[in-house]
Amino acid sequence: MYFAHIHSILLYGSIFLCAAKESIIKPLCSLQNKAIRTITNSHSRTSAGPLYIQLDILPLKQLITYSICSFMFDYTWGNLPEGFTDSWRRNRDHRDPRVNDRPLRNDDDFHAPFLRYVYLSSHPLYYFPNVWNTLSEDIKNTFPKKAFQKKLKSSLMLEIAR
């Protein structure tokens, strides 16, 4: 019931909620928490975190991260339409090989350009690579996509437990 009526609506377009203000996200989180408590027949003051873990459901903020990482996985493996080609470049592509040709630990991360204005930090062109770069190498290098998503969800569920 939850996945048919609530999760599908939250998932649709969740990738762009990263740019939404907290005043938009907070009511959606509250509605999701209310739905989780209703499903589990819990009191309205019950902490939602353990309920999400019990039901194996990601809260909205983790759902946004999950969607972004799934998108970046597809970008990394070339599974997106041509219009996305070269939207993001790797750090190794920004280095001058004449100055430093040694491999660096963050060579495979996406380049996150310096921003003058803080409000741009939530724009997908800047936010998506930053989210991807925070993932562990173990998760980033998982293939196929189903295995990646499973590992990613487990990692995000651990965040809720903390």
Protein backbone atom coordinates (compact mmCIF):
# COMPACT_ATOMS: atom_id res chain seq x y z
CA MET A 1 0.00 0.00 0.00
CA TYR A 2 2.78 2.44 0.95
CA PHE A 3 4.82 1.73 -2.18
CA ALA A 4 1.80 2.11 -4.47
CA HIS A 5 0.44 5.36 -3.09
CA ILE A 6 3.22 7.25 -1.32
CA HIS A 7 6.63 5.91 -2.33
CA SER A 8 5.91 6.16 -6.05
CA ILE A 9 4.94 9.83 -5.68
CA LEU A 10 8.01 10.64 -3.56
CA LEU A 11 10.30 8.75 -5.93
CA TYR A 12 8.96 10.53 -9.01
CA GLY A 13 11.09 13.61 -9.40
CA SER A 14 12.98 13.02 -6.13
CA ILE A 15 16.22 13.49 -8.00
CA PHE A 16 15.42 17.20 -8.36
CA LEU A 17 14.33 17.71 -4.77
CA CYS A 18 17.98 18.30 -3.93
CA ALA A 19 17.47 21.85 -5.19
CA ALA A 20 14.31 22.38 -3.13
CA LYS A 21 14.34 24.55 -0.05
CA GLU A 22 13.99 22.98 3.39
CA SER A 23 10.54 24.59 3.63
CA ILE A 24 9.40 22.25 0.84
CA ILE A 25 11.25 19.14 2.02
CA LYS A 26 10.18 19.32 5.68
CA PRO A 27 6.40 18.97 5.08
CA LEU A 28 7.04 16.05 2.72
CA CYS A 29 9.18 14.35 5.38
CA SER A 30 6.44 14.94 7.96
CA LEU A 31 3.83 13.39 5.68
CA GLN A 32 6.07 10.40 5.03
CA ASN A 33 6.66 9.98 8.79
CA LYS A 34 2.92 10.18 9.42
CA ALA A 35 2.29 7.52 6.78
CA ILE A 36 4.95 5.24 8.29
CA ARG A 37 3.43 5.61 11.74
CA THR A 38 -0.04 4.89 10.34
CA ILE A 39 1.17 1.76 8.56
CA THR A 40 2.83 0.44 11.71
CA ASN A 41 -0.05 1.59 13.91
CA SER A 42 2.42 3.55 16.05
CA HIS A 43 1.77 6.54 18.29
CA SER A 44 2.27 9.97 16.70
CA ARG A 45 5.25 10.68 18.96
CA THR A 46 7.07 7.45 18.11
CA SER A 47 10.48 8.02 16.54
CA ALA A 48 10.24 7.30 12.82
CA GLY A 49 13.85 6.08 12.36
CA PRO A 50 13.35 2.59 13.79
CA LEU A 51 10.07 2.28 11.86
CA TYR A 52 11.85 2.99 8.56
CA ILE A 53 14.39 0.30 9.42
CA GLN A 54 11.66 -2.15 10.43
CA LEU A 55 9.83 -1.60 7.11
CA ASP A 56 13.04 -1.37 5.03
CA ILE A 57 11.95 2.01 3.62
CA LEU A 58 14.22 4.97 2.96
CA PRO A 59 13.20 8.36 4.41
CA LEU A 60 12.84 11.15 1.86
CA LYS A 61 16.32 12.65 2.28
CA GLN A 62 17.95 9.23 1.83
CA LEU A 63 15.57 8.54 -1.06
CA ILE A 64 16.85 11.69 -2.77
CA THR A 65 20.44 10.53 -2.25
CA TYR A 66 19.50 7.07 -3.55
CA SER A 67 17.98 8.56 -6.72
CA ILE A 68 20.97 10.81 -7.34
CA CYS A 69 23.45 7.96 -6.87
CA SER A 70 21.44 5.69 -9.18
CA PHE A 71 21.47 8.45 -11.80
CA MET A 72 25.22 8.97 -11.40
CA PHE A 73 25.76 5.20 -11.65
CA ASP A 74 24.02 5.29 -15.02
CA TYR A 75 26.11 8.30 -16.02
CA THR A 76 29.33 6.57 -14.97
CA TRP A 77 28.52 3.46 -16.98
CA GLY A 78 27.27 5.41 -20.02
CA ASN A 79 23.63 4.37 -19.69
CA LEU A 80 22.11 7.83 -20.10
CA PRO A 81 21.03 9.61 -23.30
CA GLU A 82 23.71 11.42 -25.32
CA GLY A 83 22.58 14.78 -23.96
CA PHE A 84 24.28 13.96 -20.66
CA THR A 85 27.65 13.10 -22.23
CA ASP A 86 30.43 15.22 -20.71
CA SER A 87 28.11 16.85 -18.17
CA TRP A 88 30.71 16.00 -15.53
CA ARG A 89 34.39 15.35 -15.89
CA ARG A 90 36.81 13.40 -13.72
CA ASN A 91 39.49 15.07 -11.62
CA ARG A 92 42.20 13.45 -13.74
CA ASP A 93 40.81 15.29 -16.79
CA HIS A 94 41.40 18.66 -15.10
CA ARG A 95 45.08 18.10 -14.32
CA ASP A 96 47.90 19.16 -16.55
CA PRO A 97 49.82 15.91 -17.25
CA ARG A 98 53.01 17.90 -17.87
CA VAL A 99 52.96 19.10 -14.26
CA ASN A 100 51.81 15.94 -12.51
CA ASP A 101 51.31 12.66 -14.32
CA ARG A 102 51.16 10.45 -11.22
CA PRO A 103 47.81 8.83 -10.40
CA LEU A 104 46.14 10.47 -7.40
CA ARG A 105 43.65 8.94 -4.97
CA ASN A 106 40.80 11.16 -6.16
CA ASP A 107 41.48 10.84 -9.89
CA ASP A 108 38.29 8.86 -10.45
CA ASP A 109 36.10 11.31 -8.53
CA PHE A 110 34.06 13.81 -10.46
CA HIS A 111 35.44 17.32 -10.53
CA ALA A 112 33.48 19.65 -8.26
CA PRO A 113 34.18 23.21 -9.37
CA PHE A 114 34.62 26.02 -6.88
CA LEU A 115 31.40 27.97 -6.36
CA ARG A 116 31.27 31.65 -5.61
CA TYR A 117 27.65 31.55 -4.52
CA VAL A 118 26.40 29.11 -1.90
CA TYR A 119 22.90 28.94 -3.35
CA LEU A 120 24.30 27.16 -6.42
CA SER A 121 25.63 24.28 -4.31
CA SER A 122 22.27 22.51 -4.48
CA HIS A 123 22.06 22.77 -8.28
CA PRO A 124 22.24 19.29 -9.88
CA LEU A 125 25.33 20.16 -11.93
CA TYR A 126 27.26 20.75 -8.72
CA TYR A 127 25.37 18.64 -6.19
CA PHE A 128 25.27 15.32 -8.06
CA PRO A 129 29.05 14.85 -8.37
CA ASN A 130 29.53 15.82 -4.72
CA VAL A 131 27.03 13.18 -3.60
CA TRP A 132 28.67 10.56 -5.83
CA ASN A 133 32.15 11.45 -4.56
CA THR A 134 31.08 10.81 -0.94
CA LEU A 135 30.24 7.17 -1.68
CA SER A 136 32.79 4.54 -0.73
CA GLU A 137 34.82 3.01 -3.55
CA ASP A 138 33.30 -0.34 -2.65
CA ILE A 139 29.81 0.92 -3.47
CA LYS A 140 30.85 2.96 -6.54
CA ASN A 141 32.59 -0.01 -8.13
CA THR A 142 29.71 -2.44 -7.65
CA PHE A 143 28.19 -3.81 -10.82
CA PRO A 144 25.48 -4.58 -12.07
CA LYS A 145 23.05 -1.82 -11.15
CA LYS A 146 20.80 -4.02 -8.97
CA ALA A 147 23.78 -5.02 -6.82
CA PHE A 148 24.86 -1.36 -6.65
CA GLN A 149 21.39 -0.25 -5.55
CA LYS A 150 21.21 -3.00 -2.94
CA LYS A 151 24.58 -2.01 -1.46
CA LEU A 152 23.66 1.67 -1.59
CA LYS A 153 20.34 1.09 0.15
CA SER A 154 22.07 -0.92 2.89
CA SER A 155 24.54 1.92 3.40
CA LEU A 156 21.73 4.50 3.58
CA MET A 157 19.77 2.32 6.00
CA LEU A 158 22.86 2.22 8.25
CA GLU A 159 22.81 6.04 8.29
CA ILE A 160 19.27 5.93 9.66
CA ALA A 161 20.31 3.51 12.40
CA ARG A 162 23.00 5.94 13.63
